[in-house]
């Protein structure tokens, strides 16, 4: 039985890594592309601010192909939706009908993702949805994952935490 193609939304964070792991363990989908949005003004991942070259190294370590979506510094919702629709249309032409996210909470964000992508014929999967964050953190480290702090709010912590 052949697996359906899935692209995974790669934010570069620990939840994305664990979400991708869970999707791969189910062995239902062939995840062969990671999608990441980049703020082109500062050349960093939109979600976590990781520098492009570090994100590329991280993705290359997974062995999975990637597609970058460059966004303006502060896109309006209309601009964001149009840019993402164009990127997803490209993925649809490549045969993708499923996508995964590492989201755990935020009902409105989940609903937005599902609504926007369903109109394009993409089914969303959330393998970590509503899981206990303490359990997820413990699982993350027990599985051998590592988290590296690359950015802090200096109003809360000093630079020694990086």
C-alpha atoms as a PDB file:
ATOM      1  CA  UNK A   1       0.000   0.000   0.000  1.00  0.00           C
ATOM      2  CA  UNK A   2       1.470   3.346  -1.006  1.00  0.00           C
ATOM      3  CA  UNK A   3       1.446   6.211   1.438  1.00  0.00           C
ATOM      4  CA  UNK A   4      -0.146   9.560   0.692  1.00  0.00           C
ATOM      5  CA  UNK A   5       2.219  12.516   0.314  1.00  0.00           C
ATOM      6  CA  UNK A   6       2.416  15.039   3.119  1.00  0.00           C
ATOM      7  CA  UNK A   7       4.342  18.244   3.571  1.00  0.00           C
ATOM      8  CA  UNK A   8       5.056  19.308   7.128  1.00  0.00           C
ATOM      9  CA  UNK A   9       5.042  22.911   8.341  1.00  0.00           C
ATOM     10  CA  UNK A  10       8.523  23.324   9.770  1.00  0.00           C
ATOM     11  CA  UNK A  11       8.760  26.173  12.289  1.00  0.00           C
ATOM     12  CA  UNK A  12      12.238  24.980  13.393  1.00  0.00           C
ATOM     13  CA  UNK A  13      11.051  24.503  16.987  1.00  0.00           C
ATOM     14  CA  UNK A  14      10.765  21.543  19.322  1.00  0.00           C
ATOM     15  CA  UNK A  15       7.020  21.109  18.756  1.00  0.00           C
ATOM     16  CA  UNK A  16       7.553  20.856  15.004  1.00  0.00           C
ATOM     17  CA  UNK A  17      10.299  18.274  15.546  1.00  0.00           C
ATOM     18  CA  UNK A  18       8.131  16.159  17.849  1.00  0.00           C
ATOM     19  CA  UNK A  19       5.075  16.556  15.622  1.00  0.00           C
ATOM     20  CA  UNK A  20       7.063  15.421  12.586  1.00  0.00           C
ATOM     21  CA  UNK A  21       8.393  12.467  14.582  1.00  0.00           C
ATOM     22  CA  UNK A  22       4.849  11.369  15.498  1.00  0.00           C
ATOM     23  CA  UNK A  23       3.619  11.665  11.911  1.00  0.00           C
ATOM     24  CA  UNK A  24       6.570   9.568  10.729  1.00  0.00           C
ATOM     25  CA  UNK A  25       5.978   6.929  13.422  1.00  0.00           C
ATOM     26  CA  UNK A  26       2.365   6.409  12.326  1.00  0.00           C
ATOM     27  CA  UNK A  27       3.758   5.382   8.933  1.00  0.00           C
ATOM     28  CA  UNK A  28       0.575   6.548   7.198  1.00  0.00           C
ATOM     29  CA  UNK A  29       2.109   9.380   5.176  1.00  0.00           C
ATOM     30  CA  UNK A  30       5.228   9.958   3.125  1.00  0.00           C
ATOM     31  CA  UNK A  31       6.570  13.216   4.541  1.00  0.00           C
ATOM     32  CA  UNK A  32       9.004  14.331   1.886  1.00  0.00           C
ATOM     33  CA  UNK A  33       8.880  18.115   2.130  1.00  0.00           C
ATOM     34  CA  UNK A  34       9.186  20.664   4.924  1.00  0.00           C
ATOM     35  CA  UNK A  35       7.590  24.086   4.426  1.00  0.00           C
ATOM     36  CA  UNK A  36       9.039  27.079   6.262  1.00  0.00           C
ATOM     37  CA  UNK A  37       8.188  30.768   6.127  1.00  0.00           C
ATOM     38  CA  UNK A  38      11.020  33.295   6.134  1.00  0.00           C
ATOM     39  CA  UNK A  39      10.845  36.993   6.930  1.00  0.00           C
ATOM     40  CA  UNK A  40      12.817  38.206   3.922  1.00  0.00           C
ATOM     41  CA  UNK A  41      13.683  41.567   5.480  1.00  0.00           C
ATOM     42  CA  UNK A  42      15.684  40.023   8.330  1.00  0.00           C
ATOM     43  CA  UNK A  43      16.337  36.645   6.624  1.00  0.00           C
ATOM     44  CA  UNK A  44      15.020  34.651   9.584  1.00  0.00           C
ATOM     45  CA  UNK A  45      12.329  32.033  10.148  1.00  0.00           C
ATOM     46  CA  UNK A  46       9.060  33.855  10.709  1.00  0.00           C
ATOM     47  CA  UNK A  47       7.926  31.747  13.651  1.00  0.00           C
ATOM     48  CA  UNK A  48      11.072  31.492  15.782  1.00  0.00           C
ATOM     49  CA  UNK A  49      13.562  33.971  14.342  1.00  0.00           C
ATOM     50  CA  UNK A  50      16.171  31.337  13.508  1.00  0.00           C
ATOM     51  CA  UNK A  51      18.727  32.552  10.957  1.00  0.00           C
ATOM     52  CA  UNK A  52      18.269  31.079   7.476  1.00  0.00           C
ATOM     53  CA  UNK A  53      21.627  29.306   7.431  1.00  0.00           C
ATOM     54  CA  UNK A  54      20.874  27.543  10.731  1.00  0.00           C
ATOM     55  CA  UNK A  55      17.410  26.563   9.499  1.00  0.00           C
ATOM     56  CA  UNK A  56      18.913  25.140   6.299  1.00  0.00           C
ATOM     57  CA  UNK A  57      21.448  23.131   8.325  1.00  0.00           C
ATOM     58  CA  UNK A  58      18.651  21.864  10.568  1.00  0.00           C
ATOM     59  CA  UNK A  59      16.497  20.802   7.615  1.00  0.00           C
ATOM     60  CA  UNK A  60      19.417  19.187   5.792  1.00  0.00           C
ATOM     61  CA  UNK A  61      20.073  17.111   8.920  1.00  0.00           C
ATOM     62  CA  UNK A  62      16.565  15.643   8.550  1.00  0.00           C
ATOM     63  CA  UNK A  63      17.260  14.499   5.004  1.00  0.00           C
ATOM     64  CA  UNK A  64      13.895  15.901   3.901  1.00  0.00           C
ATOM     65  CA  UNK A  65      13.542  18.357   1.012  1.00  0.00           C
ATOM     66  CA  UNK A  66      12.278  21.810   1.836  1.00  0.00           C
ATOM     67  CA  UNK A  67      10.335  24.678   0.352  1.00  0.00           C
ATOM     68  CA  UNK A  68      10.817  28.183   1.644  1.00  0.00           C
ATOM     69  CA  UNK A  69       8.112  30.829   1.501  1.00  0.00           C
ATOM     70  CA  UNK A  70       9.475  34.356   1.746  1.00  0.00           C
ATOM     71  CA  UNK A  71       7.204  36.867   3.443  1.00  0.00           C
ATOM     72  CA  UNK A  72       7.487  40.640   3.731  1.00  0.00           C
ATOM     73  CA  UNK A  73       8.448  41.985   7.170  1.00  0.00           C
ATOM     74  CA  UNK A  74       4.874  42.636   8.307  1.00  0.00           C
ATOM     75  CA  UNK A  75       2.419  41.257   5.772  1.00  0.00           C
ATOM     76  CA  UNK A  76      -1.268  42.035   6.065  1.00  0.00           C
ATOM     77  CA  UNK A  77      -3.543  39.027   6.490  1.00  0.00           C
ATOM     78  CA  UNK A  78      -4.526  39.407   2.830  1.00  0.00           C
ATOM     79  CA  UNK A  79      -0.873  39.426   1.687  1.00  0.00           C
ATOM     80  CA  UNK A  80      -0.063  36.460   3.905  1.00  0.00           C
ATOM     81  CA  UNK A  81      -3.053  34.475   2.637  1.00  0.00           C
ATOM     82  CA  UNK A  82      -2.191  35.201  -1.021  1.00  0.00           C
ATOM     83  CA  UNK A  83       1.477  34.231  -0.618  1.00  0.00           C
ATOM     84  CA  UNK A  84       0.608  31.041   1.255  1.00  0.00           C
ATOM     85  CA  UNK A  85      -2.090  30.111  -1.258  1.00  0.00           C
ATOM     86  CA  UNK A  86       0.448  30.394  -4.073  1.00  0.00           C
ATOM     87  CA  UNK A  87       2.889  28.155  -2.151  1.00  0.00           C
ATOM     88  CA  UNK A  88       0.198  25.572  -1.396  1.00  0.00           C
ATOM     89  CA  UNK A  89      -1.005  25.572  -5.007  1.00  0.00           C
ATOM     90  CA  UNK A  90       2.542  24.642  -6.014  1.00  0.00           C
ATOM     91  CA  UNK A  91       2.489  21.799  -3.479  1.00  0.00           C
ATOM     92  CA  UNK A  92      -0.907  20.623  -4.784  1.00  0.00           C
ATOM     93  CA  UNK A  93       0.573  20.390  -8.296  1.00  0.00           C
ATOM     94  CA  UNK A  94       3.275  18.159  -6.803  1.00  0.00           C
ATOM     95  CA  UNK A  95       0.582  15.808  -5.450  1.00  0.00           C
ATOM     96  CA  UNK A  96       0.285  16.905  -1.825  1.00  0.00           C
ATOM     97  CA  UNK A  97      -3.122  16.606  -0.180  1.00  0.00           C
ATOM     98  CA  UNK A  98      -2.042  16.457   3.472  1.00  0.00           C
ATOM     99  CA  UNK A  99      -0.073  18.704   5.789  1.00  0.00           C
ATOM    100  CA  UNK A 100       1.089  18.424   9.374  1.00  0.00           C
ATOM    101  CA  UNK A 101       1.638  20.926  12.160  1.00  0.00           C
ATOM    102  CA  UNK A 102       3.316  20.792  15.568  1.00  0.00           C
ATOM    103  CA  UNK A 103       0.554  22.902  17.155  1.00  0.00           C
ATOM    104  CA  UNK A 104      -0.600  21.933  20.633  1.00  0.00           C
ATOM    105  CA  UNK A 105      -3.036  24.717  21.587  1.00  0.00           C
ATOM    106  CA  UNK A 106      -4.609  27.876  20.127  1.00  0.00           C
ATOM    107  CA  UNK A 107      -8.012  26.853  18.806  1.00  0.00           C
ATOM    108  CA  UNK A 108      -8.324  29.944  16.607  1.00  0.00           C
ATOM    109  CA  UNK A 109      -5.035  29.228  14.838  1.00  0.00           C
ATOM    110  CA  UNK A 110      -5.992  25.595  14.247  1.00  0.00           C
ATOM    111  CA  UNK A 111      -9.394  26.646  12.892  1.00  0.00           C
ATOM    112  CA  UNK A 112      -7.739  29.238  10.620  1.00  0.00           C
ATOM    113  CA  UNK A 113      -5.285  26.683   9.237  1.00  0.00           C
ATOM    114  CA  UNK A 114      -8.019  24.113   8.623  1.00  0.00           C
ATOM    115  CA  UNK A 115     -10.348  26.643   7.004  1.00  0.00           C
ATOM    116  CA  UNK A 116      -7.726  28.139   4.697  1.00  0.00           C
ATOM    117  CA  UNK A 117      -6.240  24.830   3.644  1.00  0.00           C
ATOM    118  CA  UNK A 118      -9.526  22.952   3.205  1.00  0.00           C
ATOM    119  CA  UNK A 119     -10.512  25.436   0.490  1.00  0.00           C
ATOM    120  CA  UNK A 120      -7.358  24.332  -1.335  1.00  0.00           C
ATOM    121  CA  UNK A 121      -8.073  20.623  -0.844  1.00  0.00           C
ATOM    122  CA  UNK A 122      -5.440  20.082   1.865  1.00  0.00           C
ATOM    123  CA  UNK A 123      -6.240  18.020   4.973  1.00  0.00           C
ATOM    124  CA  UNK A 124      -4.546  19.147   8.196  1.00  0.00           C
ATOM    125  CA  UNK A 125      -3.062  16.833  10.827  1.00  0.00           C
ATOM    126  CA  UNK A 126      -2.092  17.875  14.357  1.00  0.00           C
ATOM    127  CA  UNK A 127      -0.364  14.924  16.081  1.00  0.00           C
ATOM    128  CA  UNK A 128       0.336  16.848  19.318  1.00  0.00           C
ATOM    129  CA  UNK A 129      -3.021  18.586  19.619  1.00  0.00           C
ATOM    130  CA  UNK A 130      -4.173  19.084  23.235  1.00  0.00           C
ATOM    131  CA  UNK A 131      -1.447  16.858  24.652  1.00  0.00           C
ATOM    132  CA  UNK A 132      -0.110  17.724  28.094  1.00  0.00           C
ATOM    133  CA  UNK A 133       2.943  19.953  27.644  1.00  0.00           C
ATOM    134  CA  UNK A 134       4.807  18.444  30.608  1.00  0.00           C
ATOM    135  CA  UNK A 135       4.350  14.989  29.094  1.00  0.00           C
ATOM    136  CA  UNK A 136       5.468  16.270  25.678  1.00  0.00           C
ATOM    137  CA  UNK A 137       8.593  17.858  27.157  1.00  0.00           C
ATOM    138  CA  UNK A 138       9.491  14.646  28.964  1.00  0.00           C
ATOM    139  CA  UNK A 139       8.847  12.586  25.820  1.00  0.00           C
ATOM    140  CA  UNK A 140      10.910  14.980  23.706  1.00  0.00           C
ATOM    141  CA  UNK A 141      14.023  14.437  25.822  1.00  0.00           C
ATOM    142  CA  UNK A 142      13.427  10.710  26.411  1.00  0.00           C
ATOM    143  CA  UNK A 143      13.376  10.237  22.631  1.00  0.00           C
ATOM    144  CA  UNK A 144      16.818  11.840  22.441  1.00  0.00           C
ATOM    145  CA  UNK A 145      15.832  15.197  21.001  1.00  0.00           C
ATOM    146  CA  UNK A 146      17.759  18.276  22.086  1.00  0.00           C
ATOM    147  CA  UNK A 147      16.637  21.873  22.305  1.00  0.00           C
ATOM    148  CA  UNK A 148      19.078  24.726  21.840  1.00  0.00           C
ATOM    149  CA  UNK A 149      18.087  28.174  23.046  1.00  0.00           C
ATOM    150  CA  UNK A 150      19.042  30.633  20.318  1.00  0.00           C
ATOM    151  CA  UNK A 151      17.128  33.706  21.380  1.00  0.00           C
ATOM    152  CA  UNK A 152      15.904  35.119  24.675  1.00  0.00           C
ATOM    153  CA  UNK A 153      13.930  38.095  25.885  1.00  0.00           C
ATOM    154  CA  UNK A 154      16.597  40.077  27.728  1.00  0.00           C
ATOM    155  CA  UNK A 155      13.898  41.652  29.884  1.00  0.00           C
ATOM    156  CA  UNK A 156      13.317  38.220  31.429  1.00  0.00           C
ATOM    157  CA  UNK A 157      16.685  36.445  31.193  1.00  0.00           C
ATOM    158  CA  UNK A 158      20.298  37.465  30.718  1.00  0.00           C
ATOM    159  CA  UNK A 159      22.457  36.378  27.754  1.00  0.00           C
ATOM    160  CA  UNK A 160      23.971  33.472  29.719  1.00  0.00           C
ATOM    161  CA  UNK A 161      20.785  31.507  28.935  1.00  0.00           C
ATOM    162  CA  UNK A 162      21.688  31.413  25.216  1.00  0.00           C
END
